[in-house]
Amino acid sequence: MNTSATRLMLAAIALVLVGTTLTLAGCSSGRQTPAQQPPQATPATEPDAPELGTPEDAMRSYLAWSSYAYRLLESDVSSPTASPEHQVRVDSYVELNRQKGQAIEQQLTNLDIKDSDKKGSTATIVAVETWRYRYIDTSTGAYKSPEYTVVYDTTYTLKRDAKRKVWVVDNVKAQPRGEVK
């Protein structure tokens, strides 16, 4: 085989290899393959109307409505379920997430009430809670984290709102059993 035919054959092989490499890299057409976009968050679902007739019902309503507040980044929606003193904490957490450009979607998956005590206009409930949660990017509406699970040991202090004649959450102590991300 002569040298010019060999060079021609090598050049053809090189062109085939370059073309194959570009095709496999997604660059043959000059277009890049778009990165996979994170899934859009599901719309928030408003909880049932708050039930505040007993301390346990009030605690459950607080959990549902504060979760809704964190999802919407609107703390006022949970205010009927909490004392004004405790509502400041909900406001603070909403504002922290707002500044981070994120909302939190959380779902209580298990609630195990360990102890409940009512004395006059004050009640205490000790519980273990299991939550699933993930963060949402507020600028895109897409999930920005995977779904996490966490278990908390909690103690709720509730008080009777004499004016409205209902129970409201006045304080929450929550200790996670693992890492909260």
Protein backbone atom coordinates (compact mmCIF):
# COMPACT_ATOMS: atom_id res chain seq x y z
CA MET A 1 0.00 0.00 0.00
CA ASN A 2 1.42 3.40 -0.88
CA THR A 3 1.92 6.16 1.65
CA SER A 4 -0.68 8.53 0.23
CA ALA A 5 -3.34 5.80 0.37
CA THR A 6 -2.30 4.98 3.93
CA ARG A 7 -2.55 8.64 4.93
CA LEU A 8 -5.95 8.91 3.30
CA MET A 9 -7.18 5.82 5.13
CA LEU A 10 -5.84 7.09 8.49
CA ALA A 11 -7.48 10.48 7.92
CA ALA A 12 -10.80 8.78 7.18
CA ILE A 13 -10.53 6.64 10.32
CA ALA A 14 -9.68 9.76 12.38
CA LEU A 15 -12.74 11.58 10.97
CA VAL A 16 -14.99 8.65 11.83
CA LEU A 17 -13.58 8.53 15.38
CA VAL A 18 -14.01 12.29 15.88
CA GLY A 19 -17.55 12.16 14.51
CA THR A 20 -18.44 9.24 16.77
CA THR A 21 -16.94 10.98 19.81
CA LEU A 22 -18.86 14.20 19.10
CA THR A 23 -22.09 12.28 18.60
CA LEU A 24 -21.66 10.38 21.84
CA ALA A 25 -20.87 13.63 23.66
CA GLY A 26 -24.06 15.20 22.33
CA CYS A 27 -22.17 17.91 20.49
CA SER A 28 -22.51 16.86 16.85
CA SER A 29 -25.37 19.25 16.24
CA GLY A 30 -23.85 22.05 18.29
CA ARG A 31 -26.60 21.59 20.90
CA GLN A 32 -26.02 20.54 24.47
CA THR A 33 -28.35 18.14 26.22
CA PRO A 34 -30.37 20.12 28.80
CA ALA A 35 -29.76 19.23 32.43
CA GLN A 36 -32.61 17.38 34.06
CA GLN A 37 -34.79 19.86 35.92
CA PRO A 38 -35.86 19.07 39.49
CA PRO A 39 -39.55 18.18 39.81
CA GLN A 40 -42.02 20.94 40.58
CA ALA A 41 -43.47 20.94 44.09
CA THR A 42 -47.03 19.80 44.49
CA PRO A 43 -49.52 22.53 45.44
CA ALA A 44 -50.12 23.06 49.15
CA THR A 45 -53.33 21.59 50.52
CA GLU A 46 -55.20 23.59 53.14
CA PRO A 47 -55.79 21.55 56.31
CA ASP A 48 -59.21 20.95 57.81
CA ALA A 49 -60.59 23.75 59.99
CA PRO A 50 -58.78 23.94 63.33
CA GLU A 51 -60.32 21.89 66.13
CA LEU A 52 -59.40 23.54 69.41
CA GLY A 53 -61.91 22.01 71.84
CA THR A 54 -59.41 19.71 73.60
CA PRO A 55 -55.65 20.00 74.15
CA GLU A 56 -54.95 16.99 71.89
CA ASP A 57 -57.14 18.33 69.07
CA ALA A 58 -55.50 21.75 69.43
CA MET A 59 -52.02 20.20 69.20
CA ARG A 60 -52.96 18.23 66.07
CA SER A 61 -54.49 21.35 64.50
CA TYR A 62 -51.36 23.33 65.35
CA LEU A 63 -49.18 20.72 63.63
CA ALA A 64 -51.31 20.81 60.49
CA TRP A 65 -51.62 24.60 60.32
CA SER A 66 -48.00 25.42 61.19
CA SER A 67 -46.90 22.96 58.47
CA TYR A 68 -49.20 24.78 56.05
CA ALA A 69 -47.71 28.12 57.15
CA TYR A 70 -44.17 26.84 56.49
CA ARG A 71 -45.21 25.60 53.04
CA LEU A 72 -46.89 28.90 52.08
CA LEU A 73 -44.41 31.11 53.95
CA GLU A 74 -47.42 32.82 55.55
CA SER A 75 -47.28 32.51 59.33
CA ASP A 76 -50.65 34.18 59.91
CA VAL A 77 -52.54 31.09 58.69
CA SER A 78 -51.49 29.19 61.83
CA SER A 79 -52.24 31.97 64.33
CA PRO A 80 -55.65 30.59 65.47
CA THR A 81 -53.84 27.47 66.78
CA ALA A 82 -51.10 29.19 68.83
CA SER A 83 -50.81 31.79 71.56
CA PRO A 84 -49.41 35.16 70.44
CA GLU A 85 -46.25 34.37 72.42
CA HIS A 86 -45.68 31.14 70.54
CA GLN A 87 -46.75 32.51 67.17
CA VAL A 88 -43.57 34.62 67.24
CA ARG A 89 -41.61 31.37 66.80
CA VAL A 90 -43.66 30.39 63.77
CA ASP A 91 -43.12 33.89 62.34
CA SER A 92 -39.35 33.56 62.90
CA TYR A 93 -39.08 30.20 61.15
CA VAL A 94 -41.13 31.43 58.20
CA GLU A 95 -38.89 34.50 57.90
CA LEU A 96 -35.69 32.40 58.14
CA ASN A 97 -36.87 30.20 55.26
CA ARG A 98 -38.03 33.21 53.26
CA GLN A 99 -34.54 34.72 53.55
CA LYS A 100 -33.03 31.42 52.39
CA GLY A 101 -35.34 31.44 49.35
CA GLN A 102 -37.03 28.23 50.42
CA ALA A 103 -40.27 26.86 51.75
CA ILE A 104 -40.60 23.54 53.54
CA GLU A 105 -43.04 20.81 52.64
CA GLN A 106 -43.49 18.57 55.65
CA GLN A 107 -45.85 15.78 56.54
CA LEU A 108 -46.44 14.20 59.93
CA THR A 109 -46.31 10.45 59.27
CA ASN A 110 -46.65 9.21 62.85
CA LEU A 111 -47.75 10.77 66.14
CA ASP A 112 -47.40 8.70 69.29
CA ILE A 113 -48.76 10.49 72.38
CA LYS A 114 -46.85 9.20 75.41
CA ASP A 115 -48.43 11.32 78.14
CA SER A 116 -51.10 13.96 78.54
CA ASP A 117 -51.90 16.02 81.63
CA LYS A 118 -54.47 18.79 82.05
CA LYS A 119 -54.60 21.03 85.12
CA GLY A 120 -57.09 23.87 84.98
CA SER A 121 -56.29 26.13 82.04
CA THR A 122 -52.93 24.48 81.23
CA ALA A 123 -52.15 21.15 79.56
CA THR A 124 -48.97 19.27 78.71
CA ILE A 125 -48.64 16.63 76.01
CA VAL A 126 -45.53 14.49 75.54
CA ALA A 127 -45.24 12.80 72.14
CA VAL A 128 -42.95 11.20 69.60
CA GLU A 129 -43.40 12.53 66.08
CA THR A 130 -42.09 11.22 62.76
CA TRP A 131 -41.91 13.69 59.89
CA ARG A 132 -41.07 13.57 56.18
CA TYR A 133 -39.90 16.86 54.73
CA ARG A 134 -38.12 18.53 51.83
CA TYR A 135 -37.30 22.04 50.74
CA ILE A 136 -38.74 23.98 47.82
CA ASP A 137 -36.91 26.72 45.92
CA THR A 138 -39.25 29.71 46.07
CA SER A 139 -37.87 31.24 42.85
CA THR A 140 -38.62 28.16 40.71
CA GLY A 141 -41.25 26.26 42.69
CA ALA A 142 -39.13 23.11 42.29
CA TYR A 143 -37.93 20.80 45.02
CA LYS A 144 -34.39 21.69 46.00
CA SER A 145 -33.66 18.77 48.31
CA PRO A 146 -34.39 15.09 48.55
CA GLU A 147 -37.05 13.93 50.98
CA TYR A 148 -35.74 13.51 54.52
CA THR A 149 -37.21 11.78 57.58
CA VAL A 150 -36.73 12.84 61.20
CA VAL A 151 -38.11 11.71 64.55
CA TYR A 152 -38.67 14.20 67.39
CA ASP A 153 -39.32 13.80 71.10
CA THR A 154 -41.72 16.65 71.84
CA THR A 155 -43.39 18.35 74.77
CA TYR A 156 -46.28 20.70 74.11
CA THR A 157 -47.61 23.18 76.61
CA LEU A 158 -51.10 24.39 75.80
CA LYS A 159 -53.25 26.98 77.47
CA ARG A 160 -56.91 27.76 77.46
CA ASP A 161 -57.70 31.00 75.66
CA ALA A 162 -60.43 32.27 77.97
CA LYS A 163 -61.62 34.91 75.54
CA ARG A 164 -62.15 32.49 72.63
CA LYS A 165 -62.84 29.49 74.89
CA VAL A 166 -60.38 27.27 73.00
CA TRP A 167 -57.06 25.51 73.59
CA VAL A 168 -53.92 26.84 71.86
CA VAL A 169 -50.27 25.79 71.76
CA ASP A 170 -48.21 28.05 73.99
CA ASN A 171 -44.81 26.35 73.85
CA VAL A 172 -43.10 23.48 72.04
CA LYS A 173 -39.92 21.71 73.05
CA ALA A 174 -38.67 19.42 70.30
CA GLN A 175 -35.56 17.29 70.42
CA PRO A 176 -34.61 15.52 67.18
CA ARG A 177 -33.34 11.94 67.47
CA GLY A 178 -31.15 12.41 64.42
CA GLU A 179 -29.77 15.06 62.12
CA VAL A 180 -32.12 17.72 60.79
CA LYS A 181 -30.98 18.96 57.38
